[in-house]
Amino acid sequence: MNVMETALSGMRAAQQGVQVAAHNVANVATPDAQRLQLQRAAAGQGGVETTVVAADPDPTAPLGDLLAAKAEVVAFAANAAVIRRQDQMLGSLLDREA
């Protein structure tokens, strides 16, 4: 897996993390709503694999979910910066070879 694919994998994981946090916050007052949690694991050739699993009920979770969503936004932006830098480096290399 190359740098760009690894960063895209991180962006997808961050997006899924935001979706999980949003689900939990949106359903905090819904009776019998199942909290979710995103589990991450290193992918075989780089990047990250994610799995959404049921989470235990937690009355203090909405604050944690909001903080987790913010962390996911930061992670998404960091991976986007990696892709931008990779694109700049590739462009510079192509300019030199032209």
PDB file of N, CA and C in Angstrom:
ATOM      1  N   MET A   1       0.858  -1.175   0.000  1.00  0.00           N
ATOM      2  CA  MET A   1       0.000   0.000   0.000  1.00  0.00           C
ATOM      3  C   MET A   1       0.902   1.236   0.000  1.00  0.00           C
ATOM      4  N   ASN A   2       0.587   2.197  -0.840  1.00  0.00           N
ATOM      5  CA  ASN A   2       1.403   3.406  -0.897  1.00  0.00           C
ATOM      6  C   ASN A   2       0.903   4.456   0.096  1.00  0.00           C
ATOM      7  N   VAL A   3       1.629   5.557   0.168  1.00  0.00           N
ATOM      8  CA  VAL A   3       1.318   6.611   1.132  1.00  0.00           C
ATOM      9  C   VAL A   3      -0.092   7.150   0.928  1.00  0.00           C
ATOM     10  N   MET A   4      -0.474   7.367  -0.317  1.00  0.00           N
ATOM     11  CA  MET A   4      -1.793   7.931  -0.585  1.00  0.00           C
ATOM     12  C   MET A   4      -2.907   6.967  -0.162  1.00  0.00           C
ATOM     13  N   GLU A   5      -2.737   5.694  -0.443  1.00  0.00           N
ATOM     14  CA  GLU A   5      -3.745   4.702  -0.042  1.00  0.00           C
ATOM     15  C   GLU A   5      -3.837   4.603   1.479  1.00  0.00           C
ATOM     16  N   THR A   6      -2.697   4.697   2.152  1.00  0.00           N
ATOM     17  CA  THR A   6      -2.697   4.652   3.612  1.00  0.00           C
ATOM     18  C   THR A   6      -3.439   5.854   4.184  1.00  0.00           C
ATOM     19  N   ALA A   7      -3.175   7.038   3.636  1.00  0.00           N
ATOM     20  CA  ALA A   7      -3.861   8.242   4.098  1.00  0.00           C
ATOM     21  C   ALA A   7      -5.359   8.173   3.809  1.00  0.00           C
ATOM     22  N   LEU A   8      -5.726   7.666   2.636  1.00  0.00           N
ATOM     23  CA  LEU A   8      -7.155   7.508   2.318  1.00  0.00           C
ATOM     24  C   LEU A   8      -7.825   6.545   3.285  1.00  0.00           C
ATOM     25  N   SER A   9      -7.125   5.501   3.648  1.00  0.00           N
ATOM     26  CA  SER A   9      -7.646   4.549   4.622  1.00  0.00           C
ATOM     27  C   SER A   9      -7.903   5.252   5.955  1.00  0.00           C
ATOM     28  N   GLY A  10      -6.973   6.095   6.362  1.00  0.00           N
ATOM     29  CA  GLY A  10      -7.154   6.865   7.594  1.00  0.00           C
ATOM     30  C   GLY A  10      -8.315   7.830   7.509  1.00  0.00           C
ATOM     31  N   MET A  11      -8.508   8.437   6.333  1.00  0.00           N
ATOM     32  CA  MET A  11      -9.634   9.351   6.149  1.00  0.00           C
ATOM     33  C   MET A  11     -10.963   8.608   6.234  1.00  0.00           C
ATOM     34  N   ARG A  12     -11.019   7.423   5.627  1.00  0.00           N
ATOM     35  CA  ARG A  12     -12.255   6.624   5.702  1.00  0.00           C
ATOM     36  C   ARG A  12     -12.546   6.218   7.149  1.00  0.00           C
ATOM     37  N   ALA A  13     -11.516   5.851   7.883  1.00  0.00           N
ATOM     38  CA  ALA A  13     -11.699   5.471   9.286  1.00  0.00           C
ATOM     39  C   ALA A  13     -12.187   6.665  10.102  1.00  0.00           C
ATOM     40  N   ALA A  14     -11.621   7.835   9.854  1.00  0.00           N
ATOM     41  CA  ALA A  14     -12.048   9.035  10.570  1.00  0.00           C
ATOM     42  C   ALA A  14     -13.500   9.379  10.244  1.00  0.00           C
ATOM     43  N   GLN A  15     -13.871   9.249   8.974  1.00  0.00           N
ATOM     44  CA  GLN A  15     -15.254   9.515   8.574  1.00  0.00           C
ATOM     45  C   GLN A  15     -16.205   8.555   9.284  1.00  0.00           C
ATOM     46  N   GLN A  16     -15.824   7.301   9.344  1.00  0.00           N
ATOM     47  CA  GLN A  16     -16.671   6.323  10.021  1.00  0.00           C
ATOM     48  C   GLN A  16     -16.745   6.625  11.519  1.00  0.00           C
ATOM     49  N   GLY A  17     -15.648   7.101  12.091  1.00  0.00           N
ATOM     50  CA  GLY A  17     -15.651   7.477  13.504  1.00  0.00           C
ATOM     51  C   GLY A  17     -16.618   8.616  13.790  1.00  0.00           C
ATOM     52  N   VAL A  18     -16.668   9.592  12.890  1.00  0.00           N
ATOM     53  CA  VAL A  18     -17.622  10.693  13.048  1.00  0.00           C
ATOM     54  C   VAL A  18     -19.049  10.164  12.951  1.00  0.00           C
ATOM     55  N   GLN A  19     -19.298   9.256  12.024  1.00  0.00           N
ATOM     56  CA  GLN A  19     -20.639   8.685  11.875  1.00  0.00           C
ATOM     57  C   GLN A  19     -21.061   7.927  13.131  1.00  0.00           C
ATOM     58  N   VAL A  20     -20.150   7.182  13.722  1.00  0.00           N
ATOM     59  CA  VAL A  20     -20.463   6.437  14.945  1.00  0.00           C
ATOM     60  C   VAL A  20     -20.769   7.408  16.083  1.00  0.00           C
ATOM     61  N   ALA A  21     -19.944   8.433  16.237  1.00  0.00           N
ATOM     62  CA  ALA A  21     -20.181   9.421  17.293  1.00  0.00           C
ATOM     63  C   ALA A  21     -21.513  10.135  17.081  1.00  0.00           C
ATOM     64  N   ALA A  22     -21.818  10.488  15.831  1.00  0.00           N
ATOM     65  CA  ALA A  22     -23.086  11.157  15.530  1.00  0.00           C
ATOM     66  C   ALA A  22     -24.269  10.251  15.852  1.00  0.00           C
ATOM     67  N   HIS A  23     -24.147   8.982  15.515  1.00  0.00           N
ATOM     68  CA  HIS A  23     -25.204   8.018  15.848  1.00  0.00           C
ATOM     69  C   HIS A  23     -25.445   8.003  17.351  1.00  0.00           C
ATOM     70  N   ASN A  24     -24.377   7.929  18.115  1.00  0.00           N
ATOM     71  CA  ASN A  24     -24.510   7.851  19.568  1.00  0.00           C
ATOM     72  C   ASN A  24     -25.128   9.114  20.156  1.00  0.00           C
ATOM     73  N   VAL A  25     -24.701  10.281  19.683  1.00  0.00           N
ATOM     74  CA  VAL A  25     -25.245  11.537  20.195  1.00  0.00           C
ATOM     75  C   VAL A  25     -26.711  11.683  19.785  1.00  0.00           C
ATOM     76  N   ALA A  26     -27.036  11.346  18.544  1.00  0.00           N
ATOM     77  CA  ALA A  26     -28.411  11.487  18.059  1.00  0.00           C
ATOM     78  C   ALA A  26     -29.379  10.571  18.794  1.00  0.00           C
ATOM     79  N   ASN A  27     -28.886   9.459  19.297  1.00  0.00           N
ATOM     80  CA  ASN A  27     -29.765   8.485  19.940  1.00  0.00           C
ATOM     81  C   ASN A  27     -29.642   8.454  21.456  1.00  0.00           C
ATOM     82  N   VAL A  28     -29.025   9.471  22.041  1.00  0.00           N
ATOM     83  CA  VAL A  28     -28.794   9.455  23.484  1.00  0.00           C
ATOM     84  C   VAL A  28     -30.105   9.375  24.275  1.00  0.00           C
ATOM     85  N   ALA A  29     -31.167   9.971  23.769  1.00  0.00           N
ATOM     86  CA  ALA A  29     -32.445   9.957  24.480  1.00  0.00           C
ATOM     87  C   ALA A  29     -33.416   8.916  23.930  1.00  0.00           C
ATOM     88  N   THR A  30     -32.973   8.097  23.017  1.00  0.00           N
ATOM     89  CA  THR A  30     -33.830   7.081  22.421  1.00  0.00           C
ATOM     90  C   THR A  30     -33.808   5.821  23.280  1.00  0.00           C
ATOM     91  N   PRO A  31     -34.967   5.419  23.778  1.00  0.00           N
ATOM     92  CA  PRO A  31     -34.992   4.202  24.594  1.00  0.00           C
ATOM     93  C   PRO A  31     -34.506   2.991  23.795  1.00  0.00           C
ATOM     94  N   ASP A  32     -33.744   2.173  24.424  1.00  0.00           N
ATOM     95  CA  ASP A  32     -33.224   0.925  23.841  1.00  0.00           C
ATOM     96  C   ASP A  32     -32.301   1.135  22.640  1.00  0.00           C
ATOM     97  N   ALA A  33     -31.844   2.351  22.422  1.00  0.00           N
ATOM     98  CA  ALA A  33     -30.896   2.578  21.326  1.00  0.00           C
ATOM     99  C   ALA A  33     -29.553   1.966  21.708  1.00  0.00           C
ATOM    100  N   GLN A  34     -28.938   1.313  20.776  1.00  0.00           N
ATOM    101  CA  GLN A  34     -27.646   0.662  21.029  1.00  0.00           C
ATOM    102  C   GLN A  34     -26.508   1.635  20.737  1.00  0.00           C
ATOM    103  N   ARG A  35     -25.674   1.863  21.733  1.00  0.00           N
ATOM    104  CA  ARG A  35     -24.462   2.660  21.493  1.00  0.00           C
ATOM    105  C   ARG A  35     -23.517   1.868  20.604  1.00  0.00           C
ATOM    106  N   LEU A  36     -22.759   2.574  19.810  1.00  0.00           N
ATOM    107  CA  LEU A  36     -21.790   1.933  18.929  1.00  0.00           C
ATOM    108  C   LEU A  36     -20.383   2.385  19.285  1.00  0.00           C
ATOM    109  N   GLN A  37     -19.426   1.583  18.861  1.00  0.00           N
ATOM    110  CA  GLN A  37     -18.018   1.900  19.067  1.00  0.00           C
ATOM    111  C   GLN A  37     -17.259   1.477  17.814  1.00  0.00           C
ATOM    112  N   LEU A  38     -16.273   2.259  17.438  1.00  0.00           N
ATOM    113  CA  LEU A  38     -15.461   1.930  16.269  1.00  0.00           C
ATOM    114  C   LEU A  38     -14.145   1.324  16.739  1.00  0.00           C
ATOM    115  N   GLN A  39     -13.887   0.121  16.288  1.00  0.00           N
ATOM    116  CA  GLN A  39     -12.613  -0.526  16.595  1.00  0.00           C
ATOM    117  C   GLN A  39     -11.721  -0.433  15.371  1.00  0.00           C
ATOM    118  N   ARG A  40     -10.454  -0.159  15.622  1.00  0.00           N
ATOM    119  CA  ARG A  40      -9.478  -0.037  14.537  1.00  0.00           C
ATOM    120  C   ARG A  40      -8.401  -1.097  14.693  1.00  0.00           C
ATOM    121  N   ALA A  41      -7.879  -1.534  13.566  1.00  0.00           N
ATOM    122  CA  ALA A  41      -6.758  -2.476  13.564  1.00  0.00           C
ATOM    123  C   ALA A  41      -5.895  -2.173  12.347  1.00  0.00           C
ATOM    124  N   ALA A  42      -4.617  -2.438  12.491  1.00  0.00           N
ATOM    125  CA  ALA A  42      -3.705  -2.229  11.367  1.00  0.00           C
ATOM    126  C   ALA A  42      -4.059  -3.201  10.247  1.00  0.00           C
ATOM    127  N   ALA A  43      -4.118  -2.681   9.037  1.00  0.00           N
ATOM    128  CA  ALA A  43      -4.371  -3.528   7.871  1.00  0.00           C
ATOM    129  C   ALA A  43      -3.075  -4.244   7.497  1.00  0.00           C
ATOM    130  N   GLY A  44      -3.205  -5.369   6.849  1.00  0.00           N
ATOM    131  CA  GLY A  44      -2.056  -6.198   6.521  1.00  0.00           C
ATOM    132  C   GLY A  44      -0.962  -5.496   5.745  1.00  0.00           C
ATOM    133  N   GLN A  45      -1.312  -4.679   4.771  1.00  0.00           N
ATOM    134  CA  GLN A  45      -0.309  -4.018   3.935  1.00  0.00           C
ATOM    135  C   GLN A  45      -0.253  -2.519   4.198  1.00  0.00           C
ATOM    136  N   GLY A  46      -0.659  -2.109   5.368  1.00  0.00           N
ATOM    137  CA  GLY A  46      -0.668  -0.700   5.725  1.00  0.00           C
ATOM    138  C   GLY A  46      -2.085  -0.174   5.797  1.00  0.00           C
ATOM    139  N   GLY A  47      -2.236   0.968   6.384  1.00  0.00           N
ATOM    140  CA  GLY A  47      -3.561   1.543   6.537  1.00  0.00           C
ATOM    141  C   GLY A  47      -4.258   0.989   7.761  1.00  0.00           C
ATOM    142  N   VAL A  48      -5.560   1.143   7.773  1.00  0.00           N
ATOM    143  CA  VAL A  48      -6.344   0.748   8.937  1.00  0.00           C
ATOM    144  C   VAL A  48      -7.626   0.064   8.493  1.00  0.00           C
ATOM    145  N   GLU A  49      -8.029  -0.936   9.259  1.00  0.00           N
ATOM    146  CA  GLU A  49      -9.323  -1.592   9.062  1.00  0.00           C
ATOM    147  C   GLU A  49     -10.203  -1.213  10.240  1.00  0.00           C
ATOM    148  N   THR A  50     -11.480  -1.022   9.984  1.00  0.00           N
ATOM    149  CA  THR A  50     -12.408  -0.636  11.043  1.00  0.00           C
ATOM    150  C   THR A  50     -13.554  -1.628  11.144  1.00  0.00           C
ATOM    151  N   THR A  51     -14.075  -1.725  12.354  1.00  0.00           N
ATOM    152  CA  THR A  51     -15.243  -2.545  12.622  1.00  0.00           C
ATOM    153  C   THR A  51     -16.124  -1.793  13.611  1.00  0.00           C
ATOM    154  N   VAL A  52     -17.404  -1.685  13.310  1.00  0.00           N
ATOM    155  CA  VAL A  52     -18.354  -1.060  14.232  1.00  0.00           C
ATOM    156  C   VAL A  52     -18.951  -2.161  15.093  1.00  0.00           C
ATOM    157  N   VAL A  53     -18.867  -1.972  16.412  1.00  0.00           N
ATOM    158  CA  VAL A  53     -19.382  -2.961  17.353  1.00  0.00           C
ATOM    159  C   VAL A  53     -20.289  -2.270  18.363  1.00  0.00           C
ATOM    160  N   ALA A  54     -21.104  -3.066  19.029  1.00  0.00           N
ATOM    161  CA  ALA A  54     -21.964  -2.539  20.085  1.00  0.00           C
ATOM    162  C   ALA A  54     -21.100  -2.123  21.270  1.00  0.00           C
ATOM    163  N   ALA A  55     -21.495  -1.048  21.926  1.00  0.00           N
ATOM    164  CA  ALA A  55     -20.775  -0.552  23.098  1.00  0.00           C
ATOM    165  C   ALA A  55     -21.688  -0.613  24.315  1.00  0.00           C
ATOM    166  N   ASP A  56     -21.086  -0.686  25.471  1.00  0.00           N
ATOM    167  CA  ASP A  56     -21.853  -0.701  26.712  1.00  0.00           C
ATOM    168  C   ASP A  56     -22.520   0.655  26.936  1.00  0.00           C
ATOM    169  N   PRO A  57     -23.697   0.658  27.566  1.00  0.00           N
ATOM    170  CA  PRO A  57     -24.349   1.929  27.899  1.00  0.00           C
ATOM    171  C   PRO A  57     -23.452   2.749  28.829  1.00  0.00           C
ATOM    172  N   ASP A  58     -23.457   4.057  28.639  1.00  0.00           N
ATOM    173  CA  ASP A  58     -22.637   4.942  29.457  1.00  0.00           C
ATOM    174  C   ASP A  58     -23.327   6.297  29.543  1.00  0.00           C
ATOM    175  N   PRO A  59     -23.791   6.684  30.741  1.00  0.00           N
ATOM    176  CA  PRO A  59     -24.513   7.953  30.867  1.00  0.00           C
ATOM    177  C   PRO A  59     -23.643   9.179  30.604  1.00  0.00           C
ATOM    178  N   THR A  60     -22.330   9.049  30.711  1.00  0.00           N
ATOM    179  CA  THR A  60     -21.442  10.185  30.451  1.00  0.00           C
ATOM    180  C   THR A  60     -20.932  10.193  29.012  1.00  0.00           C
ATOM    181  N   ALA A  61     -21.400   9.279  28.213  1.00  0.00           N
ATOM    182  CA  ALA A  61     -20.873   9.093  26.860  1.00  0.00           C
ATOM    183  C   ALA A  61     -21.083  10.266  25.905  1.00  0.00           C
ATOM    184  N   PRO A  62     -22.180  11.027  25.977  1.00  0.00           N
ATOM    185  CA  PRO A  62     -22.340  12.091  24.972  1.00  0.00           C
ATOM    186  C   PRO A  62     -21.154  13.055  24.910  1.00  0.00           C
ATOM    187  N   LEU A  63     -20.602  13.417  26.045  1.00  0.00           N
ATOM    188  CA  LEU A  63     -19.442  14.304  26.035  1.00  0.00           C
ATOM    189  C   LEU A  63     -18.259  13.611  25.361  1.00  0.00           C
ATOM    190  N   GLY A  64     -18.041  12.360  25.703  1.00  0.00           N
ATOM    191  CA  GLY A  64     -16.964  11.601  25.075  1.00  0.00           C
ATOM    192  C   GLY A  64     -17.169  11.442  23.585  1.00  0.00           C
ATOM    193  N   ASP A  65     -18.415  11.255  23.174  1.00  0.00           N
ATOM    194  CA  ASP A  65     -18.716  11.123  21.745  1.00  0.00           C
ATOM    195  C   ASP A  65     -18.428  12.421  20.995  1.00  0.00           C
ATOM    196  N   LEU A  66     -18.760  13.550  21.606  1.00  0.00           N
ATOM    197  CA  LEU A  66     -18.475  14.834  20.962  1.00  0.00           C
ATOM    198  C   LEU A  66     -16.970  15.065  20.836  1.00  0.00           C
ATOM    199  N   LEU A  67     -16.234  14.719  21.891  1.00  0.00           N
ATOM    200  CA  LEU A  67     -14.776  14.851  21.837  1.00  0.00           C
ATOM    201  C   LEU A  67     -14.177  13.898  20.804  1.00  0.00           C
ATOM    202  N   ALA A  68     -14.720  12.694  20.733  1.00  0.00           N
ATOM    203  CA  ALA A  68     -14.238  11.720  19.748  1.00  0.00           C
ATOM    204  C   ALA A  68     -14.489  12.222  18.329  1.00  0.00           C
ATOM    205  N   ALA A  69     -15.646  12.826  18.104  1.00  0.00           N
ATOM    206  CA  ALA A  69     -15.953  13.361  16.774  1.00  0.00           C
ATOM    207  C   ALA A  69     -14.952  14.449  16.396  1.00  0.00           C
ATOM    208  N   LYS A  70     -14.611  15.308  17.345  1.00  0.00           N
ATOM    209  CA  LYS A  70     -13.628  16.367  17.075  1.00  0.00           C
ATOM    210  C   LYS A  70     -12.264  15.756  16.753  1.00  0.00           C
ATOM    211  N   ALA A  71     -11.868  14.734  17.493  1.00  0.00           N
ATOM    212  CA  ALA A  71     -10.591  14.064  17.228  1.00  0.00           C
ATOM    213  C   ALA A  71     -10.588  13.426  15.841  1.00  0.00           C
ATOM    214  N   GLU A  72     -11.726  12.894  15.431  1.00  0.00           N
ATOM    215  CA  GLU A  72     -11.822  12.287  14.098  1.00  0.00           C
ATOM    216  C   GLU A  72     -11.679  13.344  13.006  1.00  0.00           C
ATOM    217  N   VAL A  73     -12.236  14.525  13.238  1.00  0.00           N
ATOM    218  CA  VAL A  73     -12.108  15.619  12.270  1.00  0.00           C
ATOM    219  C   VAL A  73     -10.638  16.019  12.129  1.00  0.00           C
ATOM    220  N   VAL A  74      -9.929  16.081  13.254  1.00  0.00           N
ATOM    221  CA  VAL A  74      -8.499  16.412  13.225  1.00  0.00           C
ATOM    222  C   VAL A  74      -7.719  15.319  12.485  1.00  0.00           C
ATOM    223  N   ALA A  75      -8.044  14.060  12.742  1.00  0.00           N
ATOM    224  CA  ALA A  75      -7.368  12.948  12.061  1.00  0.00           C
ATOM    225  C   ALA A  75      -7.628  12.997  10.557  1.00  0.00           C
ATOM    226  N   PHE A  76      -8.858  13.311  10.178  1.00  0.00           N
ATOM    227  CA  PHE A  76      -9.198  13.428   8.759  1.00  0.00           C
ATOM    228  C   PHE A  76      -8.344  14.516   8.107  1.00  0.00           C
ATOM    229  N   ALA A  77      -8.253  15.667   8.770  1.00  0.00           N
ATOM    230  CA  ALA A  77      -7.476  16.784   8.230  1.00  0.00           C
ATOM    231  C   ALA A  77      -5.995  16.427   8.116  1.00  0.00           C
ATOM    232  N   ALA A  78      -5.472  15.703   9.086  1.00  0.00           N
ATOM    233  CA  ALA A  78      -4.064  15.299   9.042  1.00  0.00           C
ATOM    234  C   ALA A  78      -3.804  14.373   7.858  1.00  0.00           C
ATOM    235  N   ASN A  79      -4.695  13.444   7.628  1.00  0.00           N
ATOM    236  CA  ASN A  79      -4.534  12.540   6.487  1.00  0.00           C
ATOM    237  C   ASN A  79      -4.693  13.282   5.163  1.00  0.00           C
ATOM    238  N   ALA A  80      -5.582  14.262   5.131  1.00  0.00           N
ATOM    239  CA  ALA A  80      -5.734  15.077   3.922  1.00  0.00           C
ATOM    240  C   ALA A  80      -4.451  15.862   3.651  1.00  0.00           C
ATOM    241  N   ALA A  81      -3.789  16.332   4.703  1.00  0.00           N
ATOM    242  CA  ALA A  81      -2.522  17.050   4.540  1.00  0.00           C
ATOM    243  C   ALA A  81      -1.447  16.131   3.965  1.00  0.00           C
ATOM    244  N   VAL A  82      -1.443  14.877   4.383  1.00  0.00           N
ATOM    245  CA  VAL A  82      -0.492  13.906   3.829  1.00  0.00           C
ATOM    246  C   VAL A  82      -0.731  13.740   2.329  1.00  0.00           C
ATOM    247  N   ILE A  83      -1.987  13.634   1.937  1.00  0.00           N
ATOM    248  CA  ILE A  83      -2.310  13.469   0.515  1.00  0.00           C
ATOM    249  C   ILE A  83      -1.898  14.708  -0.279  1.00  0.00           C
ATOM    250  N   ARG A  84      -2.167  15.898   0.270  1.00  0.00           N
ATOM    251  CA  ARG A  84      -1.757  17.130  -0.415  1.00  0.00           C
ATOM    252  C   ARG A  84      -0.239  17.172  -0.596  1.00  0.00           C
ATOM    253  N   ARG A  85       0.489  16.825   0.454  1.00  0.00           N
ATOM    254  CA  ARG A  85       1.955  16.852   0.382  1.00  0.00           C
ATOM    255  C   ARG A  85       2.463  15.822  -0.626  1.00  0.00           C
ATOM    256  N   GLN A  86       1.883  14.649  -0.622  1.00  0.00           N
ATOM    257  CA  GLN A  86       2.273  13.614  -1.586  1.00  0.00           C
ATOM    258  C   GLN A  86       2.026  14.106  -3.011  1.00  0.00           C
ATOM    259  N   ASP A  87       0.907  14.771  -3.222  1.00  0.00           N
ATOM    260  CA  ASP A  87       0.582  15.312  -4.540  1.00  0.00           C
ATOM    261  C   ASP A  87       1.596  16.383  -4.949  1.00  0.00           C
ATOM    262  N   GLN A  88       1.983  17.242  -4.004  1.00  0.00           N
ATOM    263  CA  GLN A  88       2.989  18.271  -4.288  1.00  0.00           C
ATOM    264  C   GLN A  88       4.331  17.637  -4.649  1.00  0.00           C
ATOM    265  N   MET A  89       4.716  16.614  -3.901  1.00  0.00           N
ATOM    266  CA  MET A  89       5.990  15.952  -4.167  1.00  0.00           C
ATOM    267  C   MET A  89       5.984  15.279  -5.537  1.00  0.00           C
ATOM    268  N   LEU A  90       4.885  14.628  -5.865  1.00  0.00           N
ATOM    269  CA  LEU A  90       4.770  13.979  -7.167  1.00  0.00           C
ATOM    270  C   LEU A  90       4.816  15.013  -8.288  1.00  0.00           C
ATOM    271  N   GLY A  91       4.130  16.139  -8.090  1.00  0.00           N
ATOM    272  CA  GLY A  91       4.147  17.207  -9.084  1.00  0.00           C
ATOM    273  C   GLY A  91       5.547  17.759  -9.291  1.00  0.00           C
ATOM    274  N   SER A  92       6.292  17.945  -8.202  1.00  0.00           N
ATOM    275  CA  SER A  92       7.670  18.438  -8.307  1.00  0.00           C
ATOM    276  C   SER A  92       8.544  17.447  -9.053  1.00  0.00           C
ATOM    277  N   LEU A  93       8.363  16.172  -8.766  1.00  0.00           N
ATOM    278  CA  LEU A  93       9.140  15.138  -9.442  1.00  0.00           C
ATOM    279  C   LEU A  93       8.845  15.129 -10.939  1.00  0.00           C
ATOM    280  N   LEU A  94       7.573  15.234 -11.293  1.00  0.00           N
ATOM    281  CA  LEU A  94       7.194  15.248 -12.708  1.00  0.00           C
ATOM    282  C   LEU A  94       7.729  16.495 -13.410  1.00  0.00           C
ATOM    283  N   ASP A  95       7.726  17.635 -12.702  1.00  0.00           N
ATOM    284  CA  ASP A  95       8.263  18.865 -13.291  1.00  0.00           C
ATOM    285  C   ASP A  95       9.750  18.718 -13.598  1.00  0.00           C
ATOM    286  N   ARG A  96      10.486  18.056 -12.709  1.00  0.00           N
ATOM    287  CA  ARG A  96      11.922  17.865 -12.915  1.00  0.00           C
ATOM    288  C   ARG A  96      12.209  16.930 -14.076  1.00  0.00           C
ATOM    289  N   GLU A  97      11.356  15.934 -14.233  1.00  0.00           N
ATOM    290  CA  GLU A  97      11.570  14.937 -15.285  1.00  0.00           C
ATOM    291  C   GLU A  97      11.127  15.439 -16.655  1.00  0.00           C
ATOM    292  N   ALA A  98      10.301  16.474 -16.685  1.00  0.00           N
ATOM    293  CA  ALA A  98       9.755  16.973 -17.961  1.00  0.00           C
ATOM    294  C   ALA A  98      10.749  17.796 -18.735  1.00  0.00           C
TER     295      ALA A  98
END
